[in-house]
Amino acid sequence: MTAAELARYLDHTLLSPDAVPAQVAALIEEAVELGVFAICVSPAMLPLASVVSPVTLGDVKLATVAGFPSGKHTTQMKAAEAAEAVLHGVDEIDMVLDIGLTHLGDRDALTAQVTAVRLATPAPRLLKVIIESAALTDDEIKIACQASVDGGADFVKTSTGFHPAGGASVHAVELIRDCVGPRVGVKASGGIRDHATAVAMINAGATRIGCSAARSILESCP
């Protein structure tokens, strides 16, 4: 896989709580230069025109998060975050599922949460559901995946990158892919910092990679 091909899998991400507008501007410039698929920024950085001028994303998509990073927000709060982001022109929403509900196996409540955010994120915008796979058992991953698909998710995403349990793993990506089937995307995120790891995730079934190290990943391509 060439660097240009790999770049189209990448969501170049800046979700640090101390991020400032100059870093968003640098993220955009780098994303356009590298040819990544999307950038992902915090809701407070929206609309982009309020923090960066001029905004020159070109073909790069704009994503943000909802219920991030803990997932311990009410369903209404997550839906409201998504709705506001849509008004600010985002193309994609990455929402965090409630891990506690997943531990309880409450598939109905999980599905209701995804459904509410889906309604606030109408097509053609994409909805990705972060399940925090490193904190879950295999059976819990399956429940979270089933609820995400039932709620209308376009992608299931492994991790926020902020949970102490860790980020993406090849095993989790393989399991998610097996659960969601071929029509739903799989996003591997958390701890992916080099070409070999990114390609391993893609080979396991990932169709998108979330990372804050897009340049080093692409520059390490053989």
Protein backbone atom coordinates (compact mmCIF):
# COMPACT_ATOMS: atom_id res chain seq x y z
CA MET A 1 0.00 0.00 0.00
CA THR A 2 1.41 3.35 -1.04
CA ALA A 3 1.42 6.38 1.23
CA ALA A 4 -1.25 8.02 -0.95
CA GLU A 5 -3.48 4.95 -0.70
CA LEU A 6 -3.00 4.67 3.05
CA ALA A 7 -3.73 8.38 3.52
CA ARG A 8 -7.31 7.82 2.33
CA TYR A 9 -7.93 5.59 5.36
CA LEU A 10 -6.82 8.21 7.89
CA ASP A 11 -8.80 10.50 10.17
CA HIS A 12 -6.15 13.02 11.29
CA THR A 13 -7.19 13.88 14.83
CA LEU A 14 -6.75 16.70 17.34
CA LEU A 15 -8.81 16.05 20.48
CA SER A 16 -6.38 17.22 23.14
CA PRO A 17 -8.22 19.18 25.88
CA ASP A 18 -5.62 21.95 25.72
CA ALA A 19 -5.68 22.37 21.94
CA VAL A 20 -5.69 25.95 20.62
CA PRO A 21 -6.76 27.44 17.27
CA ALA A 22 -3.20 27.56 15.91
CA GLN A 23 -3.00 23.79 16.29
CA VAL A 24 -6.28 23.37 14.40
CA ALA A 25 -4.88 25.51 11.58
CA ALA A 26 -1.75 23.36 11.49
CA LEU A 27 -3.88 20.20 11.51
CA ILE A 28 -5.86 21.40 8.50
CA GLU A 29 -2.75 22.41 6.59
CA GLU A 30 -1.11 19.05 7.25
CA ALA A 31 -4.29 17.10 6.43
CA VAL A 32 -4.60 18.78 3.03
CA GLU A 33 -0.90 18.30 2.31
CA LEU A 34 -0.99 14.60 3.22
CA GLY A 35 -4.29 13.89 1.48
CA VAL A 36 -5.99 12.22 4.45
CA PHE A 37 -9.68 11.37 4.39
CA ALA A 38 -10.82 13.54 7.32
CA ILE A 39 -9.84 15.65 10.28
CA CYS A 40 -11.49 15.21 13.68
CA VAL A 41 -11.60 18.09 16.14
CA SER A 42 -13.36 18.85 19.41
CA PRO A 43 -16.84 20.47 19.31
CA ALA A 44 -15.43 23.66 20.85
CA MET A 45 -13.44 24.19 17.65
CA LEU A 46 -16.65 24.47 15.60
CA PRO A 47 -17.55 26.15 13.40
CA LEU A 48 -14.06 26.00 11.94
CA ALA A 49 -14.40 29.52 10.56
CA SER A 50 -14.63 30.82 14.13
CA VAL A 51 -11.12 29.59 14.94
CA VAL A 52 -9.37 29.37 11.56
CA SER A 53 -9.53 31.79 8.65
CA PRO A 54 -9.62 31.04 5.82
CA VAL A 55 -10.84 27.44 6.04
CA THR A 56 -9.36 25.45 3.15
CA LEU A 57 -10.27 21.79 3.67
CA GLY A 58 -10.56 20.92 0.01
CA ASP A 59 -11.61 17.26 -0.26
CA VAL A 60 -10.85 16.56 3.42
CA LYS A 61 -13.96 15.73 5.45
CA LEU A 62 -14.73 17.29 8.85
CA ALA A 63 -15.56 15.15 11.88
CA THR A 64 -16.20 15.84 15.55
CA VAL A 65 -17.16 13.88 18.66
CA ALA A 66 -20.18 13.51 20.94
CA GLY A 67 -20.22 12.19 24.50
CA PHE A 68 -16.43 12.30 24.41
CA PRO A 69 -14.37 10.82 25.95
CA SER A 70 -16.23 9.07 28.80
CA GLY A 71 -19.55 8.25 27.18
CA LYS A 72 -21.24 9.03 30.51
CA HIS A 73 -23.54 11.67 29.05
CA THR A 74 -27.27 11.40 28.74
CA THR A 75 -28.67 10.31 25.42
CA GLN A 76 -30.23 13.75 25.02
CA MET A 77 -26.89 15.46 25.58
CA LYS A 78 -25.15 13.31 22.97
CA ALA A 79 -27.92 13.95 20.46
CA ALA A 80 -27.77 17.69 21.16
CA GLU A 81 -24.00 17.74 20.64
CA ALA A 82 -24.45 15.95 17.33
CA ALA A 83 -27.25 18.28 16.21
CA GLU A 84 -25.20 21.39 16.98
CA ALA A 85 -22.21 19.95 15.13
CA VAL A 86 -24.39 19.26 12.09
CA LEU A 87 -25.47 22.92 12.11
CA HIS A 88 -21.76 23.80 12.09
CA GLY A 89 -21.19 21.81 8.91
CA VAL A 90 -19.58 18.56 10.02
CA ASP A 91 -19.60 15.53 7.75
CA GLU A 92 -19.16 12.89 10.46
CA ILE A 93 -19.92 12.35 14.16
CA ASP A 94 -17.92 9.96 16.38
CA MET A 95 -20.10 9.27 19.45
CA VAL A 96 -19.00 7.39 22.57
CA LEU A 97 -21.28 4.61 23.73
CA ASP A 98 -21.97 4.25 27.47
CA ILE A 99 -19.48 1.59 28.62
CA GLY A 100 -21.43 0.97 31.81
CA LEU A 101 -24.53 0.04 29.84
CA THR A 102 -22.37 -2.30 27.77
CA HIS A 103 -21.08 -4.01 30.92
CA LEU A 104 -24.70 -4.44 32.02
CA GLY A 105 -25.58 -5.97 28.66
CA ASP A 106 -28.43 -3.49 28.19
CA ARG A 107 -28.68 -3.75 24.42
CA ASP A 108 -32.00 -1.91 24.25
CA ALA A 109 -30.64 1.15 26.09
CA LEU A 110 -27.50 1.13 23.95
CA THR A 111 -29.54 0.91 20.76
CA ALA A 112 -31.78 3.77 21.91
CA GLN A 113 -28.70 5.93 22.49
CA VAL A 114 -27.32 5.27 19.01
CA THR A 115 -30.73 5.78 17.43
CA ALA A 116 -31.12 9.21 19.05
CA VAL A 117 -27.75 10.39 17.78
CA ARG A 118 -28.47 8.88 14.38
CA LEU A 119 -31.65 10.98 14.16
CA ALA A 120 -29.57 14.06 14.96
CA THR A 121 -27.02 13.08 12.29
CA PRO A 122 -29.05 12.64 9.11
CA ALA A 123 -27.57 11.16 5.95
CA PRO A 124 -25.38 11.80 4.08
CA ARG A 125 -23.47 12.53 7.28
CA LEU A 126 -21.79 9.49 8.81
CA LEU A 127 -22.22 8.23 12.37
CA LYS A 128 -19.41 6.29 14.02
CA VAL A 129 -19.99 4.62 17.40
CA ILE A 130 -17.01 4.30 19.73
CA ILE A 131 -17.38 1.19 21.90
CA GLU A 132 -14.04 1.35 23.83
CA SER A 133 -13.19 -2.24 22.92
CA ALA A 134 -10.10 -2.54 25.15
CA ALA A 135 -12.34 -2.13 28.20
CA LEU A 136 -14.79 -4.84 27.08
CA THR A 137 -14.93 -8.62 26.95
CA ASP A 138 -15.51 -10.28 23.60
CA ASP A 139 -19.16 -10.86 24.49
CA GLU A 140 -19.55 -7.19 25.44
CA ILE A 141 -17.96 -6.12 22.15
CA LYS A 142 -20.58 -8.20 20.34
CA ILE A 143 -23.42 -6.55 22.30
CA ALA A 144 -22.04 -3.07 21.57
CA CYS A 145 -21.66 -3.90 17.88
CA GLN A 146 -25.18 -5.29 17.62
CA ALA A 147 -26.63 -2.21 19.32
CA SER A 148 -24.64 0.10 17.05
CA VAL A 149 -25.86 -1.63 13.91
CA ASP A 150 -29.45 -1.75 15.19
CA GLY A 151 -29.29 1.98 15.96
CA GLY A 152 -28.18 2.85 12.44
CA ALA A 153 -24.43 3.40 12.81
CA ASP A 154 -22.32 3.67 9.67
CA PHE A 155 -19.15 2.65 11.53
CA VAL A 156 -18.16 0.94 14.76
CA LYS A 157 -14.97 2.41 16.20
CA THR A 158 -12.66 0.68 18.66
CA SER A 159 -11.54 3.42 21.02
CA THR A 160 -11.36 7.03 22.11
CA GLY A 161 -7.62 6.82 22.73
CA PHE A 162 -8.23 8.22 26.22
CA HIS A 163 -9.26 5.10 28.19
CA PRO A 164 -6.61 3.59 30.48
CA ALA A 165 -7.47 0.10 29.19
CA GLY A 166 -5.81 0.98 25.89
CA GLY A 167 -6.65 1.48 22.26
CA ALA A 168 -7.16 -0.61 19.16
CA SER A 169 -6.03 -4.20 18.74
CA VAL A 170 -6.04 -6.50 15.75
CA HIS A 171 -8.21 -8.96 17.68
CA ALA A 172 -10.83 -6.30 18.43
CA VAL A 173 -10.92 -5.14 14.82
CA GLU A 174 -11.35 -8.70 13.59
CA LEU A 175 -14.15 -9.32 16.09
CA ILE A 176 -15.93 -6.07 15.24
CA ARG A 177 -15.69 -6.80 11.53
CA ASP A 178 -17.14 -10.27 12.10
CA CYS A 179 -20.00 -8.78 14.14
CA VAL A 180 -21.00 -5.91 11.85
CA GLY A 181 -20.60 -7.66 8.52
CA PRO A 182 -19.44 -6.15 5.24
CA ARG A 183 -21.82 -3.19 4.98
CA VAL A 184 -20.79 -1.31 8.15
CA GLY A 185 -17.41 0.40 8.45
CA VAL A 186 -14.85 -0.38 11.13
CA LYS A 187 -12.61 2.36 12.49
CA ALA A 188 -9.47 1.41 14.40
CA SER A 189 -8.29 4.15 16.74
CA GLY A 190 -6.00 4.52 19.74
CA GLY A 191 -2.27 3.85 19.76
CA ILE A 192 -1.79 3.63 15.99
CA ARG A 193 1.42 5.50 15.28
CA ASP A 194 3.26 3.71 12.46
CA HIS A 195 2.70 2.23 9.02
CA ALA A 196 2.95 -1.42 10.11
CA THR A 197 0.28 -1.05 12.79
CA ALA A 198 -2.06 0.85 10.48
CA VAL A 199 -1.76 -1.77 7.75
CA ALA A 200 -2.28 -4.58 10.28
CA MET A 201 -5.57 -2.95 11.31
CA ILE A 202 -6.65 -2.61 7.68
CA ASN A 203 -5.78 -6.24 7.00
CA ALA A 204 -7.88 -7.18 10.05
CA GLY A 205 -10.92 -5.42 8.58
CA ALA A 206 -10.61 -1.71 9.39
CA THR A 207 -11.86 0.69 6.75
CA ARG A 208 -10.78 3.82 8.60
CA ILE A 209 -7.88 4.63 10.94
CA GLY A 210 -8.06 7.32 13.64
CA CYS A 211 -4.71 8.81 14.56
CA SER A 212 -2.88 11.91 15.68
CA ALA A 213 0.32 10.81 13.93
CA ALA A 214 -0.70 10.83 10.27
CA ARG A 215 2.61 12.25 9.07
CA SER A 216 4.78 9.69 10.85
CA ILE A 217 2.51 6.86 9.70
CA LEU A 218 2.73 7.94 6.07
CA GLU A 219 6.41 8.78 6.16
CA SER A 220 7.16 5.28 7.53
CA CYS A 221 5.63 3.65 4.44
CA PRO A 222 8.23 1.40 2.81
